Amino acid sequence: MSGTQRTAGLPTGGATEVADEHPVEDVLGQQWVARTLALRPDALARRGAPAPVATLVSPAGSDEHPRAVAVLYVHGFTDYFFHAHVGAFLGEHGYDLHALDLRDHGRSIRPGRPPTTTSGLGAHAEEIDLAVRRLRRRYASVVLLGHSTGGLVTALWADARRGLGLVDGLVLNSPWLDLRGGWLTKHAVGPLASAIGRVAPDAVVSHLGPHYARALHAEGGGEWTFEQAWKPFAGFPVHAGFVRAVRDGQRRVARGLDVDVPVLVLTSDAAGRGDRWHEGLLSADCVLDPADIRARAPRLGRDVRLVEVPGGAHDLALSAVPARDVYLAEVLAFLRTHAPAHPSSGTDPSTPAHR
């Protein structure tokens, strides 16, 4: 099916792509550009706040010289795209990595709009639709890559858009498919927060611990640097409306989705504690429980493959080597199977690129 035919299947009512005609150099440097996508006014905008925007980050030059396949990355909660090393790795093997900073996250945070605000995960379908429409005009194939909350969002989006041929595959990096915790958390605390979200969506019901993000950052001895205004160590406050939106989405997964493209689900092989500082913060998932991911993954669709990454961190792309190499190799193998490209000549496909 051609890119034009697939684009025609996208919903067009109400959402109009308004992007910078001359995208600006991104905060990641000259090899990346960012363009703003204007979104429909939401409830906050109707109360006087600015309208939401999303941000599409792309490899410099990809408008003029796109490759055959685009990979569209969608980040998690209190997060944004800073994974230039993943873009470099995929670029070496013939793939263009684009990334979407969702409304009220990262590059898309605007004065007058609280960070990470959401009335429902379905709202993000608008910016994913816009990004996919843009990419489909330039690429023969598009694959979604979602992390954590972004994994839940992209799975729900792919289920809602099944039958339209918009994407060729779905890769999920530690997707948030269930609340972490025991019976009390899942059947009492979670439902209580959801109930609060119905009547007081702006009520703060939780905060993230700072340890995992600090361990990732160079200040905490990690390998990475990121904008702490966009990804603070302790995150942004968790509002009841957000919990309600997530639980609604997770219940849909529990009932069973019908994603009609191949799905690769990747998770760490072990859970770790995230409520205190310890040396194992980046060698296990200290945010979610891989057991929950393993249990829910088969309910995503018809063709789901689950891979455990030994020693992987919550964001497998930010794991230490060799776990990071395993993750990247699995993503590449999936792409080569379901969205083949032609790697640059002279590149050894068995050697992942490092930061």
Protein backbone atom coordinates (compact mmCIF):
# COMPACT_ATOMS: atom_id res chain seq x y z
CA MET A 1 0.00 0.00 0.00
CA SER A 2 1.44 3.40 -0.90
CA GLY A 3 2.11 6.19 1.56
CA THR A 4 -0.62 8.27 -0.06
CA GLN A 5 -3.19 5.53 0.38
CA ARG A 6 -2.29 5.02 4.02
CA THR A 7 -2.40 8.72 4.78
CA ALA A 8 -5.90 8.84 3.37
CA GLY A 9 -7.03 6.52 6.15
CA LEU A 10 -6.16 8.95 8.90
CA PRO A 11 -8.90 10.83 10.70
CA THR A 12 -8.93 14.41 9.44
CA GLY A 13 -11.80 16.05 11.27
CA GLY A 14 -10.75 18.87 13.55
CA ALA A 15 -7.00 18.27 13.62
CA THR A 16 -5.00 20.40 11.22
CA GLU A 17 -1.26 20.07 10.90
CA VAL A 18 0.31 23.45 11.59
CA ALA A 19 4.06 23.02 11.64
CA ASP A 20 7.02 25.37 11.37
CA GLU A 21 7.81 25.74 7.67
CA HIS A 22 11.45 26.16 8.68
CA PRO A 23 12.01 23.86 11.67
CA VAL A 24 14.54 25.05 14.19
CA GLU A 25 17.73 23.37 15.31
CA ASP A 26 16.87 21.15 18.24
CA VAL A 27 18.36 21.28 21.72
CA LEU A 28 20.18 18.03 20.87
CA GLY A 29 22.33 19.90 18.34
CA GLN A 30 22.84 20.31 14.61
CA GLN A 31 21.95 16.73 13.75
CA TRP A 32 18.35 17.24 14.87
CA VAL A 33 15.53 19.65 14.08
CA ALA A 34 12.28 20.33 15.93
CA ARG A 35 8.94 21.53 14.60
CA THR A 36 5.87 22.54 16.57
CA LEU A 37 2.52 20.87 15.87
CA ALA A 38 -0.48 22.99 16.83
CA LEU A 39 -3.28 21.05 18.52
CA ARG A 40 -6.96 21.73 19.07
CA PRO A 41 -7.88 23.85 22.11
CA ASP A 42 -8.61 21.63 25.10
CA ALA A 43 -10.41 22.18 28.41
CA LEU A 44 -7.46 24.16 29.79
CA ALA A 45 -7.44 26.40 26.73
CA ARG A 46 -11.16 26.98 27.07
CA ARG A 47 -10.45 28.25 30.59
CA GLY A 48 -7.93 30.77 29.28
CA ALA A 49 -4.68 28.79 29.04
CA PRO A 50 -2.73 28.62 25.78
CA ALA A 51 -3.74 25.88 23.36
CA PRO A 52 -1.63 22.73 23.60
CA VAL A 53 1.16 21.92 21.19
CA ALA A 54 3.26 18.86 20.46
CA THR A 55 6.81 18.76 19.11
CA LEU A 56 8.15 16.49 16.39
CA VAL A 57 11.91 15.98 16.55
CA SER A 58 13.55 14.68 13.38
CA PRO A 59 17.00 13.96 11.97
CA ALA A 60 18.35 17.00 10.16
CA GLY A 61 17.99 16.53 6.42
CA SER A 62 15.32 13.85 6.66
CA ASP A 63 12.73 16.11 5.01
CA GLU A 64 14.86 16.34 1.88
CA HIS A 65 16.39 12.86 1.97
CA PRO A 66 14.20 10.44 3.91
CA ARG A 67 15.12 6.79 4.15
CA ALA A 68 12.61 4.03 3.48
CA VAL A 69 11.46 3.56 7.08
CA ALA A 70 10.67 5.96 9.91
CA VAL A 71 10.58 4.94 13.56
CA LEU A 72 8.44 7.25 15.70
CA TYR A 73 9.38 7.33 19.39
CA VAL A 74 6.87 8.29 22.10
CA HIS A 75 8.26 8.91 25.61
CA GLY A 76 6.90 8.13 29.06
CA PHE A 77 5.52 10.17 31.96
CA THR A 78 7.69 13.10 33.15
CA ASP A 79 9.95 12.43 30.21
CA TYR A 80 10.96 13.63 26.76
CA PHE A 81 13.18 12.57 23.87
CA PHE A 82 16.92 12.91 24.48
CA HIS A 83 17.97 9.50 23.13
CA ALA A 84 20.26 10.71 20.36
CA HIS A 85 22.32 7.52 20.67
CA VAL A 86 19.29 5.46 19.60
CA GLY A 87 18.88 7.71 16.57
CA ALA A 88 22.56 7.28 15.71
CA PHE A 89 22.32 3.50 16.02
CA LEU A 90 19.21 3.21 13.87
CA GLY A 91 20.64 5.69 11.38
CA GLU A 92 23.72 3.52 10.92
CA HIS A 93 21.42 0.67 9.92
CA GLY A 94 19.24 2.61 7.50
CA TYR A 95 16.37 3.88 9.68
CA ASP A 96 15.29 7.44 10.52
CA LEU A 97 14.30 7.90 14.16
CA HIS A 98 11.77 10.65 14.81
CA ALA A 99 10.36 11.46 18.23
CA LEU A 100 7.20 13.08 19.52
CA ASP A 101 7.23 15.17 22.68
CA LEU A 102 3.58 14.92 23.66
CA ARG A 103 1.51 17.90 24.76
CA ASP A 104 2.66 19.36 28.09
CA HIS A 105 5.83 17.25 28.10
CA GLY A 106 9.41 18.22 27.34
CA ARG A 107 9.73 20.62 24.44
CA SER A 108 5.95 20.99 24.38
CA ILE A 109 5.64 22.50 27.88
CA ARG A 110 4.24 26.03 27.66
CA PRO A 111 3.75 28.79 30.29
CA GLY A 112 0.25 28.70 31.68
CA ARG A 113 -0.12 24.95 31.17
CA PRO A 114 0.86 22.55 33.99
CA PRO A 115 3.37 19.93 32.83
CA THR A 116 2.09 16.40 32.09
CA THR A 117 -1.57 17.46 32.26
CA THR A 118 -3.95 15.08 30.50
CA SER A 119 -7.70 14.68 30.39
CA GLY A 120 -7.32 11.17 29.01
CA LEU A 121 -4.74 9.15 27.15
CA GLY A 122 -6.93 9.29 24.06
CA ALA A 123 -6.15 12.99 23.74
CA HIS A 124 -2.66 12.05 22.60
CA ALA A 125 -4.13 10.37 19.52
CA GLU A 126 -4.32 13.82 17.96
CA GLU A 127 -0.57 14.42 18.00
CA ILE A 128 0.23 10.84 17.02
CA ASP A 129 -2.16 11.18 14.07
CA LEU A 130 -0.44 14.39 13.00
CA ALA A 131 3.04 12.92 13.29
CA VAL A 132 2.10 9.75 11.42
CA ARG A 133 0.43 11.80 8.68
CA ARG A 134 3.63 13.79 8.18
CA LEU A 135 5.84 10.70 8.18
CA ARG A 136 3.56 8.73 5.86
CA ARG A 137 3.99 11.40 3.19
CA ARG A 138 7.73 10.74 3.18
CA TYR A 139 8.27 7.12 4.16
CA ALA A 140 7.17 3.75 2.82
CA SER A 141 6.88 2.33 6.34
CA VAL A 142 6.39 3.70 9.86
CA VAL A 143 6.99 1.80 13.10
CA LEU A 144 5.93 3.12 16.51
CA LEU A 145 8.27 2.82 19.49
CA GLY A 146 6.69 3.62 22.87
CA HIS A 147 8.28 3.70 26.31
CA SER A 148 6.45 3.22 29.65
CA THR A 149 3.33 5.45 29.56
CA GLY A 150 4.16 6.04 25.90
CA GLY A 151 3.99 2.28 25.45
CA LEU A 152 0.46 2.24 26.82
CA VAL A 153 -0.52 5.26 24.72
CA THR A 154 0.85 3.82 21.47
CA ALA A 155 -0.72 0.41 22.09
CA LEU A 156 -4.14 2.01 22.60
CA TRP A 157 -3.61 4.18 19.53
CA ALA A 158 -2.64 1.21 17.37
CA ASP A 159 -5.71 -0.68 18.57
CA ALA A 160 -7.99 2.27 17.79
CA ARG A 161 -6.46 2.66 14.30
CA ARG A 162 -6.44 -1.03 13.38
CA GLY A 163 -7.45 -1.82 9.85
CA LEU A 164 -6.16 1.48 8.47
CA GLY A 165 -2.64 0.33 7.61
CA LEU A 166 -1.04 3.37 9.22
CA VAL A 167 1.92 1.65 10.88
CA ASP A 168 3.84 -1.50 10.12
CA GLY A 169 4.84 -2.50 13.62
CA LEU A 170 4.78 -1.55 17.28
CA VAL A 171 7.76 -1.77 19.65
CA LEU A 172 7.12 -1.32 23.37
CA ASN A 173 9.97 -0.57 25.78
CA SER A 174 8.79 -1.41 29.33
CA PRO A 175 5.16 -0.46 28.63
CA TRP A 176 2.99 0.55 31.60
CA LEU A 177 0.31 -2.11 31.24
CA ASP A 178 -0.66 -2.39 34.93
CA LEU A 179 -0.10 -0.65 38.25
CA ARG A 180 2.93 -1.86 40.10
CA GLY A 181 2.16 -3.33 43.50
CA GLY A 182 0.18 -5.98 45.27
CA TRP A 183 -3.53 -6.59 45.62
CA LEU A 184 -4.08 -3.53 47.83
CA THR A 185 -2.49 -1.15 45.33
CA LYS A 186 -4.27 -2.56 42.31
CA HIS A 187 -7.69 -3.11 43.88
CA ALA A 188 -7.92 -0.36 46.51
CA VAL A 189 -5.37 2.45 46.17
CA GLY A 190 -5.56 2.62 42.37
CA PRO A 191 -9.37 2.65 42.22
CA LEU A 192 -9.48 5.28 44.97
CA ALA A 193 -7.16 7.58 43.02
CA SER A 194 -9.27 6.97 39.91
CA ALA A 195 -12.42 7.90 41.81
CA ILE A 196 -10.79 11.11 43.01
CA GLY A 197 -9.83 11.80 39.42
CA ARG A 198 -13.48 11.79 38.41
CA VAL A 199 -14.40 14.66 40.74
CA ALA A 200 -11.04 16.39 41.34
CA PRO A 201 -8.74 15.61 38.41
CA ASP A 202 -6.19 18.24 39.45
CA ALA A 203 -5.74 16.80 42.95
CA VAL A 204 -2.17 15.64 43.60
CA VAL A 205 -2.25 12.01 44.71
CA SER A 206 1.40 11.00 44.47
CA HIS A 207 4.97 12.01 43.69
CA LEU A 208 7.74 10.05 42.00
CA GLY A 209 10.87 9.11 43.88
CA PRO A 210 14.05 10.85 42.67
CA HIS A 211 16.40 7.88 42.76
CA TYR A 212 15.95 6.31 39.32
CA ALA A 213 16.24 9.55 37.34
CA ARG A 214 19.20 10.67 39.45
CA ALA A 215 20.96 7.36 38.79
CA LEU A 216 20.53 7.90 35.04
CA HIS A 217 22.00 11.41 35.13
CA ALA A 218 25.69 12.26 35.13
CA GLU A 219 25.18 14.11 38.43
CA GLY A 220 24.29 10.77 40.02
CA GLY A 221 27.07 8.86 38.30
CA GLY A 222 25.03 7.88 35.25
CA GLU A 223 25.90 8.07 31.57
CA TRP A 224 23.30 10.59 30.48
CA THR A 225 22.47 14.27 30.63
CA PHE A 226 18.99 15.69 30.19
CA GLU A 227 17.06 18.90 30.82
CA GLN A 228 15.97 18.69 34.44
CA ALA A 229 13.32 21.34 33.81
CA TRP A 230 11.68 18.77 31.53
CA LYS A 231 12.64 15.62 33.41
CA PRO A 232 13.16 16.54 37.08
CA PHE A 233 14.65 13.86 39.27
CA ALA A 234 11.51 13.72 41.42
CA GLY A 235 9.23 14.12 38.43
CA PHE A 236 6.17 16.32 38.30
CA PRO A 237 3.24 15.85 40.70
CA VAL A 238 0.98 12.94 39.82
CA HIS A 239 -2.60 14.16 39.49
CA ALA A 240 -5.70 12.08 40.09
CA GLY A 241 -6.94 12.74 36.57
CA PHE A 242 -3.76 11.22 35.16
CA VAL A 243 -4.12 8.12 37.33
CA ARG A 244 -7.72 7.76 36.21
CA ALA A 245 -6.70 8.05 32.56
CA VAL A 246 -3.96 5.45 32.96
CA ARG A 247 -6.21 3.02 34.81
CA ASP A 248 -8.87 3.37 32.13
CA GLY A 249 -6.27 2.49 29.51
CA GLN A 250 -4.90 -0.41 31.52
CA ARG A 251 -8.37 -1.85 31.94
CA ARG A 252 -8.76 -1.80 28.18
CA VAL A 253 -5.53 -3.77 27.86
CA ALA A 254 -6.73 -6.24 30.51
CA ARG A 255 -9.90 -6.84 28.50
CA GLY A 256 -7.79 -7.43 25.41
CA LEU A 257 -6.73 -5.24 22.48
CA ASP A 258 -6.66 -6.26 18.84
CA VAL A 259 -3.56 -4.55 17.46
CA ASP A 260 -3.26 -5.86 13.91
CA VAL A 261 0.46 -5.31 13.31
CA PRO A 262 3.39 -7.24 14.80
CA VAL A 263 4.22 -6.16 18.34
CA LEU A 264 7.57 -6.49 20.12
CA VAL A 265 7.41 -6.06 23.89
CA LEU A 266 10.71 -5.65 25.72
CA THR A 267 11.16 -5.64 29.48
CA SER A 268 13.87 -6.12 32.05
CA ASP A 269 14.24 -9.59 33.49
CA ALA A 270 13.87 -8.37 37.08
CA ALA A 271 12.07 -5.83 39.25
CA GLY A 272 13.93 -3.65 41.73
CA ARG A 273 13.10 -1.19 44.46
CA GLY A 274 12.76 2.43 43.43
CA ASP A 275 12.03 3.95 46.84
CA ARG A 276 15.66 4.21 47.96
CA TRP A 277 19.11 4.70 46.49
CA HIS A 278 21.01 1.51 45.71
CA GLU A 279 23.53 0.24 43.19
CA GLY A 280 20.97 -1.83 41.29
CA LEU A 281 18.71 1.02 40.17
CA LEU A 282 19.84 0.61 36.55
CA SER A 283 20.17 -3.17 36.42
CA ALA A 284 16.47 -3.91 37.03
CA ASP A 285 13.17 -2.17 36.41
CA CYS A 286 12.74 0.02 39.48
CA VAL A 287 9.61 1.73 38.14
CA LEU A 288 7.37 -1.09 36.86
CA ASP A 289 7.16 -4.82 37.53
CA PRO A 290 8.22 -6.95 34.55
CA ALA A 291 5.86 -9.67 35.80
CA ASP A 292 2.92 -7.35 35.07
CA ILE A 293 4.27 -6.66 31.59
CA ARG A 294 4.72 -10.36 30.90
CA ALA A 295 1.17 -11.08 32.07
CA ARG A 296 -0.49 -8.35 29.98
CA ALA A 297 1.63 -8.48 26.80
CA PRO A 298 -0.29 -11.38 25.19
CA ARG A 299 -3.48 -9.31 25.42
CA LEU A 300 -2.19 -6.60 23.10
CA GLY A 301 -2.89 -8.25 19.78
CA ARG A 302 -2.60 -11.16 17.41
CA ASP A 303 1.17 -11.23 16.90
CA VAL A 304 3.09 -10.36 20.06
CA ARG A 305 6.67 -11.32 20.89
CA LEU A 306 8.01 -10.78 24.41
CA VAL A 307 11.74 -10.39 25.10
CA GLU A 308 13.34 -10.08 28.52
CA VAL A 309 16.58 -8.08 28.62
CA PRO A 310 18.93 -9.34 31.34
CA GLY A 311 20.05 -6.51 33.59
CA GLY A 312 17.91 -3.94 31.83
CA ALA A 313 16.84 -0.65 33.43
CA HIS A 314 13.28 0.67 33.24
CA ASP A 315 14.15 2.59 30.08
CA LEU A 316 15.99 -0.20 28.32
CA ALA A 317 17.56 2.29 25.91
CA LEU A 318 19.34 3.91 28.87
CA SER A 319 20.57 0.66 30.40
CA ALA A 320 24.25 0.01 30.84
CA VAL A 321 26.10 -2.13 28.33
CA PRO A 322 25.58 -5.04 27.63
CA ALA A 323 21.84 -4.73 28.37
CA ARG A 324 21.59 -1.69 26.10
CA ASP A 325 23.24 -3.61 23.27
CA VAL A 326 20.76 -6.47 23.69
CA TYR A 327 17.83 -4.03 23.58
CA LEU A 328 19.08 -2.25 20.46
CA ALA A 329 19.84 -5.52 18.70
CA GLU A 330 16.32 -6.81 19.40
CA VAL A 331 14.74 -3.60 18.08
CA LEU A 332 16.89 -3.78 14.95
CA ALA A 333 16.03 -7.43 14.35
CA PHE A 334 12.32 -6.61 14.61
CA LEU A 335 12.67 -3.73 12.17
CA ARG A 336 14.59 -5.84 9.68
CA THR A 337 11.87 -8.46 9.78
CA HIS A 338 8.80 -6.24 9.59
CA ALA A 339 10.06 -2.99 7.99
CA PRO A 340 13.24 -3.78 6.05
CA ALA A 341 15.69 -1.03 5.16
CA HIS A 342 19.07 -0.91 3.51
CA PRO A 343 21.83 -0.11 6.05
CA SER A 344 24.69 2.16 5.12
CA SER A 345 27.45 0.36 3.28
CA GLY A 346 30.32 -0.80 5.41
CA THR A 347 28.24 -0.95 8.60
CA ASP A 348 28.56 -4.04 10.73
CA PRO A 349 24.97 -4.80 11.77
CA SER A 350 26.11 -6.85 14.75
CA THR A 351 27.74 -3.91 16.51
CA PRO A 352 25.39 -1.43 18.22
CA ALA A 353 26.43 2.21 18.29
CA HIS A 354 27.39 3.65 21.64
CA ARG A 355 27.00 7.10 23.04
